[in-house]
Amino acid sequence: MMRNDQSEAEPQALDPARTEQGEQLSLAQRGKLLRERAHRLAREPVAEESGERLEVVEFLLGSEHYGIETSFVREVHPLREVTHLPCTPPFVLGIMNLRGEILSVIDLRKFFDLGEPGAAELSKVIVLRCATMEFGILADAVVGVRTILARGVQGGLTTVTGIRADYLKGVTREHLVLLDAGKMLADRRLVVHEEV
């Protein structure tokens, strides 16, 4: 017949009358040990940094990390077939069929004059939208979604010049370039209205 002795299986460190080595404690030592444990348990957890948080989709353009607020992102879709359009600026990659909807695709590298090649086989299209405008932007890869503190974004960087500076909200400590999607969606420079 087997004995069911649970007291031997339980760790003795939880017993306030014994040390981890199994030594018997005096009443004063037990009280001190219990007070220390209570003090450790009563400590407030380390508070996270407070402030407004921004949820962003992080993506790559060349070797740089960019972010766009998720409130402007409808979806992320792999780049498949793109139909190139004549008489459009070089930054317009073309149009794509996204579940029956025709969507224009913008190559930000060309728009920002970053001078790197256009679409690659593994490129992603981040579909941006607001009430009056919708288009896709080309990304080399989508890293994921992350949350950043709004006060951690530094604006007005003098190292960023040209058209890219117009759409820049700021840069984080981790060198994530945060783009102003609202400004991009409202800017008439991205609207091609040309008759042939």
N, C-alpha and C. Protein backbone atom coordinates (compact mmCIF):
# COMPACT_ATOMS: atom_id res chain seq x y z
N MET A 1 0.84 -1.17 0.00
CA MET A 1 0.00 0.00 0.00
C MET A 1 0.89 1.25 0.00
N MET A 2 0.52 2.24 -0.88
CA MET A 2 1.33 3.47 -1.00
C MET A 2 0.82 4.52 -0.05
N ARG A 3 1.76 5.27 0.53
CA ARG A 3 1.41 6.40 1.39
C ARG A 3 1.28 7.66 0.56
N ASN A 4 0.31 8.45 0.84
CA ASN A 4 0.15 9.73 0.16
C ASN A 4 0.58 10.82 1.13
N ASP A 5 1.86 11.11 1.14
CA ASP A 5 2.40 12.10 2.06
C ASP A 5 2.76 13.35 1.27
N GLN A 6 1.83 14.30 1.14
CA GLN A 6 2.05 15.50 0.35
C GLN A 6 3.01 16.47 1.02
N SER A 7 3.14 16.38 2.33
CA SER A 7 4.00 17.34 3.02
C SER A 7 5.45 17.19 2.60
N GLU A 8 5.87 15.95 2.22
CA GLU A 8 7.25 15.76 1.78
C GLU A 8 7.46 16.30 0.38
N ALA A 9 6.39 16.31 -0.46
CA ALA A 9 6.54 16.75 -1.84
C ALA A 9 6.53 18.28 -1.95
N GLU A 10 5.93 18.98 -1.00
CA GLU A 10 5.85 20.42 -1.08
C GLU A 10 7.18 21.04 -0.67
N PRO A 11 7.59 22.12 -1.31
CA PRO A 11 8.85 22.76 -0.93
C PRO A 11 8.76 23.36 0.46
N GLN A 12 9.81 23.19 1.22
CA GLN A 12 9.81 23.66 2.59
C GLN A 12 10.03 25.16 2.69
N ALA A 13 10.46 25.80 1.60
CA ALA A 13 10.72 27.23 1.64
C ALA A 13 9.43 28.02 1.85
N LEU A 14 8.28 27.42 1.53
CA LEU A 14 7.01 28.10 1.72
C LEU A 14 6.55 28.04 3.18
N ASP A 15 7.13 27.18 3.94
CA ASP A 15 6.78 27.03 5.36
C ASP A 15 7.50 28.10 6.16
N PRO A 16 6.75 29.04 6.78
CA PRO A 16 7.42 30.11 7.52
C PRO A 16 8.15 29.62 8.77
N ALA A 17 7.92 28.38 9.16
CA ALA A 17 8.60 27.86 10.35
C ALA A 17 9.95 27.25 10.01
N ARG A 18 10.28 27.13 8.73
CA ARG A 18 11.53 26.49 8.32
C ARG A 18 12.25 27.35 7.28
N THR A 19 13.57 27.24 7.22
CA THR A 19 14.36 27.91 6.19
C THR A 19 14.37 27.01 4.96
N GLU A 20 15.02 27.49 3.90
CA GLU A 20 15.13 26.68 2.68
C GLU A 20 15.93 25.40 2.94
N GLN A 21 16.81 25.44 3.92
CA GLN A 21 17.60 24.26 4.25
C GLN A 21 16.86 23.34 5.23
N GLY A 22 15.64 23.69 5.61
CA GLY A 22 14.85 22.86 6.50
C GLY A 22 15.08 23.13 7.97
N GLU A 23 15.86 24.15 8.33
CA GLU A 23 16.13 24.45 9.73
C GLU A 23 14.90 25.09 10.38
N GLN A 24 14.68 24.75 11.63
CA GLN A 24 13.56 25.29 12.40
C GLN A 24 13.85 26.75 12.78
N LEU A 25 12.86 27.65 12.59
CA LEU A 25 13.02 29.06 12.93
C LEU A 25 12.33 29.37 14.25
N SER A 26 12.87 30.34 14.97
CA SER A 26 12.22 30.79 16.21
C SER A 26 11.02 31.64 15.85
N LEU A 27 10.18 31.93 16.83
CA LEU A 27 8.99 32.75 16.62
C LEU A 27 9.36 34.14 16.11
N ALA A 28 10.42 34.75 16.63
CA ALA A 28 10.86 36.07 16.19
C ALA A 28 11.38 36.03 14.76
N GLN A 29 12.11 34.97 14.41
CA GLN A 29 12.63 34.84 13.06
C GLN A 29 11.48 34.63 12.05
N ARG A 30 10.47 33.83 12.46
CA ARG A 30 9.31 33.62 11.58
C ARG A 30 8.59 34.93 11.32
N GLY A 31 8.41 35.74 12.37
CA GLY A 31 7.74 37.03 12.22
C GLY A 31 8.50 37.94 11.26
N LYS A 32 9.82 37.96 11.42
CA LYS A 32 10.64 38.80 10.55
C LYS A 32 10.54 38.33 9.10
N LEU A 33 10.61 37.01 8.90
CA LEU A 33 10.51 36.44 7.56
C LEU A 33 9.16 36.77 6.92
N LEU A 34 8.09 36.64 7.67
CA LEU A 34 6.75 36.94 7.14
C LEU A 34 6.60 38.42 6.81
N ARG A 35 7.17 39.29 7.66
CA ARG A 35 7.12 40.74 7.37
C ARG A 35 7.88 41.07 6.09
N GLU A 36 9.06 40.45 5.87
CA GLU A 36 9.83 40.67 4.65
C GLU A 36 9.06 40.22 3.42
N ARG A 37 8.43 39.05 3.53
CA ARG A 37 7.63 38.55 2.41
C ARG A 37 6.45 39.48 2.12
N ALA A 38 5.79 39.92 3.17
CA ALA A 38 4.64 40.82 3.00
C ALA A 38 5.09 42.14 2.37
N HIS A 39 6.25 42.63 2.80
CA HIS A 39 6.77 43.88 2.25
C HIS A 39 7.08 43.73 0.75
N ARG A 40 7.70 42.59 0.36
CA ARG A 40 8.01 42.35 -1.05
C ARG A 40 6.73 42.25 -1.89
N LEU A 41 5.72 41.57 -1.34
CA LEU A 41 4.46 41.41 -2.07
C LEU A 41 3.67 42.71 -2.16
N ALA A 42 3.85 43.60 -1.17
CA ALA A 42 3.08 44.84 -1.14
C ALA A 42 3.66 45.93 -2.03
N ARG A 43 4.89 45.72 -2.53
CA ARG A 43 5.51 46.72 -3.39
C ARG A 43 4.67 46.93 -4.65
N GLU A 44 4.54 48.19 -5.03
CA GLU A 44 3.80 48.49 -6.26
C GLU A 44 4.62 48.04 -7.45
N PRO A 45 3.95 47.50 -8.47
CA PRO A 45 4.71 47.10 -9.65
C PRO A 45 5.33 48.33 -10.31
N VAL A 46 6.40 48.09 -11.03
CA VAL A 46 7.07 49.19 -11.72
C VAL A 46 6.11 49.74 -12.77
N ALA A 47 5.81 51.02 -12.64
CA ALA A 47 4.85 51.64 -13.55
C ALA A 47 5.45 51.82 -14.93
N GLU A 48 4.62 51.55 -15.94
CA GLU A 48 5.06 51.80 -17.31
C GLU A 48 5.07 53.30 -17.53
N GLU A 49 5.85 53.72 -18.48
CA GLU A 49 5.89 55.13 -18.79
C GLU A 49 4.50 55.57 -19.22
N SER A 50 4.05 56.69 -18.66
CA SER A 50 2.70 57.14 -18.97
C SER A 50 2.74 58.15 -20.10
N GLY A 51 1.59 58.37 -20.68
CA GLY A 51 1.47 59.32 -21.77
C GLY A 51 0.72 58.72 -22.93
N GLU A 52 0.43 59.57 -23.90
CA GLU A 52 -0.29 59.11 -25.09
C GLU A 52 0.56 58.11 -25.86
N ARG A 53 -0.07 57.06 -26.29
CA ARG A 53 0.63 56.03 -27.04
C ARG A 53 0.11 56.00 -28.48
N LEU A 54 1.01 55.70 -29.39
CA LEU A 54 0.66 55.58 -30.79
C LEU A 54 0.94 54.15 -31.24
N GLU A 55 -0.04 53.55 -31.88
CA GLU A 55 0.16 52.22 -32.46
C GLU A 55 0.52 52.41 -33.92
N VAL A 56 1.66 51.87 -34.32
CA VAL A 56 2.15 52.08 -35.68
C VAL A 56 2.48 50.76 -36.36
N VAL A 57 2.36 50.78 -37.69
CA VAL A 57 2.85 49.68 -38.51
C VAL A 57 4.28 50.05 -38.88
N GLU A 58 5.22 49.19 -38.51
CA GLU A 58 6.64 49.44 -38.81
C GLU A 58 7.01 48.71 -40.09
N PHE A 59 7.66 49.43 -41.01
CA PHE A 59 8.05 48.81 -42.27
C PHE A 59 9.43 49.31 -42.70
N LEU A 60 9.98 48.63 -43.67
CA LEU A 60 11.33 48.96 -44.16
C LEU A 60 11.27 49.56 -45.56
N LEU A 61 12.07 50.59 -45.74
CA LEU A 61 12.37 51.15 -47.06
C LEU A 61 13.88 51.16 -47.14
N GLY A 62 14.44 50.26 -47.91
CA GLY A 62 15.89 50.12 -47.91
C GLY A 62 16.34 49.65 -46.54
N SER A 63 17.25 50.38 -45.95
CA SER A 63 17.75 50.00 -44.62
C SER A 63 17.10 50.82 -43.50
N GLU A 64 16.18 51.72 -43.86
CA GLU A 64 15.54 52.57 -42.85
C GLU A 64 14.21 52.00 -42.38
N HIS A 65 13.94 52.21 -41.08
CA HIS A 65 12.68 51.77 -40.48
C HIS A 65 11.71 52.95 -40.44
N TYR A 66 10.51 52.73 -40.97
CA TYR A 66 9.47 53.76 -40.99
C TYR A 66 8.26 53.24 -40.23
N GLY A 67 7.43 54.17 -39.81
CA GLY A 67 6.19 53.81 -39.13
C GLY A 67 5.05 54.70 -39.57
N ILE A 68 3.86 54.11 -39.63
CA ILE A 68 2.63 54.84 -39.96
C ILE A 68 1.58 54.41 -38.95
N GLU A 69 0.84 55.37 -38.42
CA GLU A 69 -0.19 55.05 -37.43
C GLU A 69 -1.22 54.09 -38.00
N THR A 70 -1.60 53.10 -37.19
CA THR A 70 -2.54 52.08 -37.65
C THR A 70 -3.93 52.65 -37.92
N SER A 71 -4.26 53.80 -37.35
CA SER A 71 -5.58 54.38 -37.60
C SER A 71 -5.75 54.76 -39.07
N PHE A 72 -4.65 54.89 -39.81
CA PHE A 72 -4.71 55.22 -41.24
C PHE A 72 -4.49 54.00 -42.13
N VAL A 73 -4.20 52.84 -41.54
CA VAL A 73 -3.87 51.65 -42.31
C VAL A 73 -5.10 50.75 -42.40
N ARG A 74 -5.52 50.48 -43.63
CA ARG A 74 -6.65 49.58 -43.83
C ARG A 74 -6.20 48.13 -43.76
N GLU A 75 -5.11 47.82 -44.45
CA GLU A 75 -4.57 46.46 -44.48
C GLU A 75 -3.19 46.46 -45.10
N VAL A 76 -2.52 45.32 -44.98
CA VAL A 76 -1.23 45.10 -45.63
C VAL A 76 -1.43 43.91 -46.56
N HIS A 77 -0.95 44.08 -47.80
CA HIS A 77 -1.19 43.07 -48.82
C HIS A 77 0.10 42.81 -49.58
N PRO A 78 0.37 41.55 -49.94
CA PRO A 78 1.57 41.29 -50.75
C PRO A 78 1.42 41.93 -52.14
N LEU A 79 2.51 42.43 -52.66
CA LEU A 79 2.48 43.00 -54.01
C LEU A 79 2.49 41.86 -55.01
N ARG A 80 1.47 41.83 -55.83
CA ARG A 80 1.42 40.78 -56.85
C ARG A 80 1.54 41.42 -58.22
N GLU A 81 0.46 41.55 -58.92
CA GLU A 81 0.51 42.14 -60.26
C GLU A 81 0.20 43.63 -60.18
N VAL A 82 1.04 44.41 -60.81
CA VAL A 82 0.84 45.85 -60.89
C VAL A 82 0.79 46.23 -62.36
N THR A 83 -0.20 47.01 -62.71
CA THR A 83 -0.32 47.51 -64.08
C THR A 83 0.26 48.92 -64.10
N HIS A 84 1.30 49.11 -64.87
CA HIS A 84 1.94 50.42 -64.97
C HIS A 84 1.09 51.32 -65.85
N LEU A 85 1.01 52.57 -65.49
CA LEU A 85 0.19 53.54 -66.21
C LEU A 85 1.06 54.54 -66.93
N PRO A 86 0.72 54.83 -68.20
CA PRO A 86 1.49 55.87 -68.90
C PRO A 86 1.10 57.25 -68.39
N CYS A 87 1.96 58.20 -68.61
CA CYS A 87 1.73 59.61 -68.27
C CYS A 87 1.51 59.84 -66.78
N THR A 88 2.19 59.07 -65.96
CA THR A 88 2.11 59.30 -64.51
C THR A 88 3.51 59.63 -64.01
N PRO A 89 3.59 60.32 -62.89
CA PRO A 89 4.92 60.62 -62.33
C PRO A 89 5.67 59.34 -61.97
N PRO A 90 7.00 59.41 -61.88
CA PRO A 90 7.80 58.21 -61.58
C PRO A 90 7.45 57.55 -60.25
N PHE A 91 6.94 58.32 -59.28
CA PHE A 91 6.63 57.72 -57.98
C PHE A 91 5.36 56.87 -58.00
N VAL A 92 4.55 56.95 -59.05
CA VAL A 92 3.36 56.10 -59.16
C VAL A 92 3.80 54.78 -59.77
N LEU A 93 3.81 53.73 -58.96
CA LEU A 93 4.23 52.42 -59.43
C LEU A 93 3.21 51.87 -60.42
N GLY A 94 1.94 52.13 -60.17
CA GLY A 94 0.88 51.65 -61.05
C GLY A 94 -0.39 51.41 -60.26
N ILE A 95 -1.25 50.55 -60.80
CA ILE A 95 -2.49 50.19 -60.11
C ILE A 95 -2.53 48.68 -59.93
N MET A 96 -3.23 48.25 -58.89
CA MET A 96 -3.39 46.82 -58.64
C MET A 96 -4.85 46.53 -58.33
N ASN A 97 -5.24 45.30 -58.59
CA ASN A 97 -6.59 44.85 -58.31
C ASN A 97 -6.57 44.18 -56.95
N LEU A 98 -7.26 44.78 -56.00
CA LEU A 98 -7.32 44.24 -54.64
C LEU A 98 -8.76 43.80 -54.38
N ARG A 99 -9.02 42.51 -54.60
CA ARG A 99 -10.35 41.92 -54.43
C ARG A 99 -11.43 42.71 -55.18
N GLY A 100 -11.14 43.03 -56.43
CA GLY A 100 -12.10 43.72 -57.27
C GLY A 100 -12.05 45.23 -57.18
N GLU A 101 -11.24 45.77 -56.32
CA GLU A 101 -11.10 47.21 -56.17
C GLU A 101 -9.78 47.66 -56.78
N ILE A 102 -9.82 48.69 -57.62
CA ILE A 102 -8.61 49.21 -58.26
C ILE A 102 -7.95 50.20 -57.31
N LEU A 103 -6.68 49.94 -57.01
CA LEU A 103 -5.95 50.73 -56.02
C LEU A 103 -4.64 51.22 -56.63
N SER A 104 -4.37 52.51 -56.51
CA SER A 104 -3.08 53.02 -56.99
C SER A 104 -2.00 52.73 -55.94
N VAL A 105 -0.78 52.49 -56.43
CA VAL A 105 0.34 52.16 -55.55
C VAL A 105 1.44 53.19 -55.75
N ILE A 106 1.89 53.78 -54.64
CA ILE A 106 2.93 54.81 -54.64
C ILE A 106 4.23 54.20 -54.14
N ASP A 107 5.32 54.47 -54.86
CA ASP A 107 6.65 54.03 -54.44
C ASP A 107 7.28 55.18 -53.65
N LEU A 108 7.28 55.07 -52.31
CA LEU A 108 7.79 56.15 -51.47
C LEU A 108 9.27 56.43 -51.69
N ARG A 109 10.02 55.41 -52.08
CA ARG A 109 11.46 55.66 -52.31
C ARG A 109 11.66 56.65 -53.45
N LYS A 110 10.85 56.52 -54.48
CA LYS A 110 10.95 57.47 -55.59
C LYS A 110 10.34 58.81 -55.21
N PHE A 111 9.24 58.78 -54.45
CA PHE A 111 8.59 60.02 -54.04
C PHE A 111 9.49 60.84 -53.12
N PHE A 112 10.21 60.15 -52.22
CA PHE A 112 11.12 60.82 -51.29
C PHE A 112 12.52 61.02 -51.87
N ASP A 113 12.75 60.64 -53.11
CA ASP A 113 14.07 60.75 -53.76
C ASP A 113 15.14 60.00 -52.98
N LEU A 114 14.82 58.79 -52.55
CA LEU A 114 15.81 57.99 -51.83
C LEU A 114 16.75 57.28 -52.79
N GLY A 115 16.40 57.24 -54.07
CA GLY A 115 17.30 56.75 -55.11
C GLY A 115 17.57 55.27 -55.11
N GLU A 116 16.68 54.47 -54.52
CA GLU A 116 16.88 53.02 -54.54
C GLU A 116 15.92 52.41 -55.54
N PRO A 117 16.16 51.15 -55.93
CA PRO A 117 15.28 50.52 -56.92
C PRO A 117 13.85 50.36 -56.43
N GLY A 118 12.93 50.17 -57.37
CA GLY A 118 11.50 50.06 -57.07
C GLY A 118 11.11 48.71 -56.52
N ALA A 119 9.99 48.19 -57.02
CA ALA A 119 9.36 46.99 -56.46
C ALA A 119 10.24 45.75 -56.58
N ALA A 120 10.26 44.98 -55.52
CA ALA A 120 10.95 43.70 -55.50
C ALA A 120 9.91 42.59 -55.38
N GLU A 121 10.37 41.36 -55.51
CA GLU A 121 9.45 40.23 -55.49
C GLU A 121 8.70 40.10 -54.16
N LEU A 122 9.35 40.43 -53.06
CA LEU A 122 8.75 40.23 -51.74
C LEU A 122 8.18 41.51 -51.15
N SER A 123 7.94 42.52 -51.98
CA SER A 123 7.43 43.79 -51.48
C SER A 123 6.01 43.64 -50.94
N LYS A 124 5.67 44.55 -50.04
CA LYS A 124 4.32 44.61 -49.46
C LYS A 124 3.70 45.95 -49.81
N VAL A 125 2.38 45.98 -49.89
CA VAL A 125 1.63 47.20 -50.11
C VAL A 125 0.85 47.49 -48.83
N ILE A 126 1.10 48.65 -48.24
CA ILE A 126 0.35 49.09 -47.07
C ILE A 126 -0.75 50.02 -47.58
N VAL A 127 -1.99 49.60 -47.39
CA VAL A 127 -3.12 50.36 -47.90
C VAL A 127 -3.50 51.42 -46.86
N LEU A 128 -3.35 52.70 -47.26
CA LEU A 128 -3.70 53.83 -46.40
C LEU A 128 -5.09 54.32 -46.79
N ARG A 129 -5.85 54.79 -45.81
CA ARG A 129 -7.18 55.28 -46.12
C ARG A 129 -7.62 56.35 -45.14
N CYS A 130 -8.45 57.24 -45.66
CA CYS A 130 -9.18 58.21 -44.84
C CYS A 130 -10.54 58.36 -45.50
N ALA A 131 -11.34 59.30 -45.08
CA ALA A 131 -12.70 59.42 -45.62
C ALA A 131 -12.72 59.76 -47.10
N THR A 132 -11.72 60.50 -47.59
CA THR A 132 -11.76 60.98 -48.97
C THR A 132 -10.71 60.38 -49.89
N MET A 133 -9.77 59.62 -49.37
CA MET A 133 -8.65 59.14 -50.20
C MET A 133 -8.24 57.75 -49.74
N GLU A 134 -7.74 56.98 -50.72
CA GLU A 134 -7.22 55.65 -50.41
C GLU A 134 -6.19 55.29 -51.48
N PHE A 135 -5.02 54.83 -51.04
CA PHE A 135 -4.00 54.33 -51.96
C PHE A 135 -3.05 53.44 -51.19
N GLY A 136 -2.20 52.73 -51.91
CA GLY A 136 -1.23 51.86 -51.29
C GLY A 136 0.17 52.45 -51.40
N ILE A 137 0.99 52.18 -50.40
CA ILE A 137 2.39 52.58 -50.47
C ILE A 137 3.24 51.31 -50.45
N LEU A 138 4.30 51.35 -51.21
CA LEU A 138 5.17 50.20 -51.35
C LEU A 138 6.17 50.14 -50.20
N ALA A 139 6.35 48.97 -49.63
CA ALA A 139 7.33 48.75 -48.56
C ALA A 139 8.16 47.52 -48.91
N ASP A 140 9.45 47.55 -48.58
CA ASP A 140 10.29 46.38 -48.83
C ASP A 140 9.84 45.21 -47.97
N ALA A 141 9.50 45.49 -46.72
CA ALA A 141 9.03 44.47 -45.79
C ALA A 141 8.25 45.15 -44.68
N VAL A 142 7.30 44.44 -44.10
CA VAL A 142 6.57 44.94 -42.94
C VAL A 142 7.10 44.21 -41.72
N VAL A 143 7.62 44.98 -40.77
CA VAL A 143 8.22 44.41 -39.57
C VAL A 143 7.14 43.95 -38.60
N GLY A 144 6.10 44.76 -38.42
CA GLY A 144 5.01 44.42 -37.52
C GLY A 144 4.35 45.66 -36.97
N VAL A 145 3.50 45.44 -35.97
CA VAL A 145 2.80 46.54 -35.30
C VAL A 145 3.44 46.73 -33.94
N ARG A 146 3.68 47.98 -33.57
CA ARG A 146 4.27 48.27 -32.25
C ARG A 146 3.65 49.53 -31.69
N THR A 147 3.78 49.70 -30.40
CA THR A 147 3.25 50.87 -29.70
C THR A 147 4.42 51.72 -29.25
N ILE A 148 4.31 53.02 -29.51
CA ILE A 148 5.37 53.96 -29.09
C ILE A 148 4.73 55.09 -28.30
N LEU A 149 5.51 55.72 -27.46
CA LEU A 149 5.04 56.89 -26.71
C LEU A 149 5.10 58.11 -27.62
N ALA A 150 4.01 58.86 -27.65
CA ALA A 150 3.96 60.06 -28.50
C ALA A 150 5.02 61.07 -28.09
N ARG A 151 5.28 61.18 -26.78
CA ARG A 151 6.27 62.16 -26.34
C ARG A 151 7.70 61.70 -26.62
N GLY A 152 7.87 60.46 -27.04
CA GLY A 152 9.19 59.95 -27.40
C GLY A 152 9.55 60.23 -28.85
N VAL A 153 8.64 60.89 -29.58
CA VAL A 153 8.89 61.20 -30.99
C VAL A 153 9.46 62.61 -31.07
N GLN A 154 10.68 62.72 -31.60
CA GLN A 154 11.34 64.03 -31.76
C GLN A 154 11.03 64.57 -33.14
N GLY A 155 10.51 65.77 -33.20
CA GLY A 155 10.18 66.38 -34.49
C GLY A 155 11.22 67.39 -34.90
N GLY A 156 11.06 67.93 -36.10
CA GLY A 156 11.92 69.01 -36.58
C GLY A 156 13.37 68.65 -36.75
N LEU A 157 13.67 67.51 -37.33
CA LEU A 157 15.06 67.12 -37.51
C LEU A 157 15.67 67.83 -38.71
N THR A 158 16.82 68.41 -38.52
CA THR A 158 17.48 69.15 -39.60
C THR A 158 18.19 68.23 -40.58
N THR A 159 18.41 66.97 -40.19
CA THR A 159 19.10 66.04 -41.08
C THR A 159 18.19 65.52 -42.18
N VAL A 160 16.88 65.63 -41.99
CA VAL A 160 15.94 65.17 -43.01
C VAL A 160 15.51 66.38 -43.82
N THR A 161 15.79 66.34 -45.12
CA THR A 161 15.48 67.48 -45.99
C THR A 161 14.64 67.01 -47.17
N GLY A 162 14.27 67.95 -48.00
CA GLY A 162 13.53 67.63 -49.21
C GLY A 162 12.07 67.33 -48.91
N ILE A 163 11.45 66.63 -49.85
CA ILE A 163 10.02 66.36 -49.75
C ILE A 163 9.70 65.45 -48.57
N ARG A 164 10.65 64.60 -48.18
CA ARG A 164 10.41 63.69 -47.06
C ARG A 164 10.15 64.46 -45.78
N ALA A 165 10.78 65.60 -45.60
CA ALA A 165 10.59 66.40 -44.39
C ALA A 165 9.14 66.89 -44.28
N ASP A 166 8.46 67.08 -45.41
CA ASP A 166 7.07 67.54 -45.39
C ASP A 166 6.13 66.51 -44.76
N TYR A 167 6.48 65.24 -44.86
CA TYR A 167 5.60 64.17 -44.38
C TYR A 167 6.12 63.51 -43.10
N LEU A 168 7.08 64.15 -42.46
CA LEU A 168 7.70 63.57 -41.28
C LEU A 168 7.05 64.10 -40.01
N LYS A 169 6.60 63.17 -39.16
CA LYS A 169 6.09 63.55 -37.84
C LYS A 169 7.24 63.63 -36.84
N GLY A 170 8.22 62.78 -37.02
CA GLY A 170 9.36 62.76 -36.11
C GLY A 170 10.09 61.44 -36.16
N VAL A 171 11.06 61.29 -35.27
CA VAL A 171 11.89 60.09 -35.18
C VAL A 171 11.96 59.67 -33.72
N THR A 172 11.88 58.37 -33.47
CA THR A 172 11.97 57.86 -32.10
C THR A 172 13.43 57.64 -31.71
N ARG A 173 13.65 57.30 -30.45
CA ARG A 173 15.01 57.00 -29.98
C ARG A 173 15.61 55.80 -30.69
N GLU A 174 14.72 54.89 -31.14
CA GLU A 174 15.19 53.68 -31.85
C GLU A 174 15.37 53.94 -33.34
N HIS A 175 15.32 55.20 -33.76
CA HIS A 175 15.51 55.62 -35.15
C HIS A 175 14.39 55.15 -36.07
N LEU A 176 13.18 55.06 -35.55
CA LEU A 176 11.99 54.77 -36.36
C LEU A 176 11.47 56.11 -36.87
N VAL A 177 11.40 56.26 -38.19
CA VAL A 177 10.93 57.49 -38.81
C VAL A 177 9.40 57.40 -38.89
N LEU A 178 8.73 58.28 -38.17
CA LEU A 178 7.27 58.27 -38.14
C LEU A 178 6.73 59.22 -39.20
N LEU A 179 5.96 58.67 -40.14
CA LEU A 179 5.40 59.47 -41.22
C LEU A 179 4.01 59.98 -40.85
N ASP A 180 3.66 61.12 -41.39
CA ASP A 180 2.34 61.72 -41.15
C ASP A 180 1.39 61.25 -42.25
N ALA A 181 0.69 60.15 -42.00
CA ALA A 181 -0.19 59.57 -43.01
C ALA A 181 -1.36 60.49 -43.32
N GLY A 182 -1.86 61.22 -42.34
CA GLY A 182 -2.96 62.15 -42.57
C GLY A 182 -2.58 63.21 -43.58
N LYS A 183 -1.37 63.69 -43.49
CA LYS A 183 -0.87 64.71 -44.42
C LYS A 183 -0.69 64.12 -45.82
N MET A 184 -0.19 62.88 -45.87
CA MET A 184 -0.01 62.21 -47.16
C MET A 184 -1.36 62.01 -47.86
N LEU A 185 -2.35 61.58 -47.11
CA LEU A 185 -3.67 61.32 -47.69
C LEU A 185 -4.36 62.60 -48.14
N ALA A 186 -4.03 63.73 -47.54
CA ALA A 186 -4.67 65.00 -47.88
C ALA A 186 -3.90 65.81 -48.92
N ASP A 187 -2.67 65.41 -49.24
CA ASP A 187 -1.83 66.21 -50.12
C ASP A 187 -2.20 66.01 -51.59
N ARG A 188 -2.45 67.09 -52.29
CA ARG A 188 -2.84 67.04 -53.71
C ARG A 188 -1.66 66.65 -54.60
N ARG A 189 -0.42 66.71 -54.09
CA ARG A 189 0.73 66.32 -54.91
C ARG A 189 0.72 64.83 -55.24
N LEU A 190 0.01 64.06 -54.42
CA LEU A 190 -0.07 62.63 -54.67
C LEU A 190 -1.24 62.25 -55.57
N VAL A 191 -2.05 63.22 -55.95
CA VAL A 191 -3.19 62.97 -56.84
C VAL A 191 -2.76 63.27 -58.26
N VAL A 192 -2.88 62.28 -59.13
CA VAL A 192 -2.52 62.46 -60.54
C VAL A 192 -3.81 62.72 -61.29
N HIS A 193 -3.93 63.91 -61.84
CA HIS A 193 -5.13 64.28 -62.61
C HIS A 193 -4.64 64.86 -63.92
N GLU A 194 -4.34 63.95 -64.83
CA GLU A 194 -3.76 64.38 -66.10
C GLU A 194 -4.53 63.72 -67.23
N GLU A 195 -4.92 64.50 -68.19
CA GLU A 195 -5.63 63.97 -69.36
C GLU A 195 -4.66 63.80 -70.50
N VAL A 196 -4.82 62.71 -71.24
CA VAL A 196 -3.92 62.42 -72.36
C VAL A 196 -4.62 62.85 -73.64
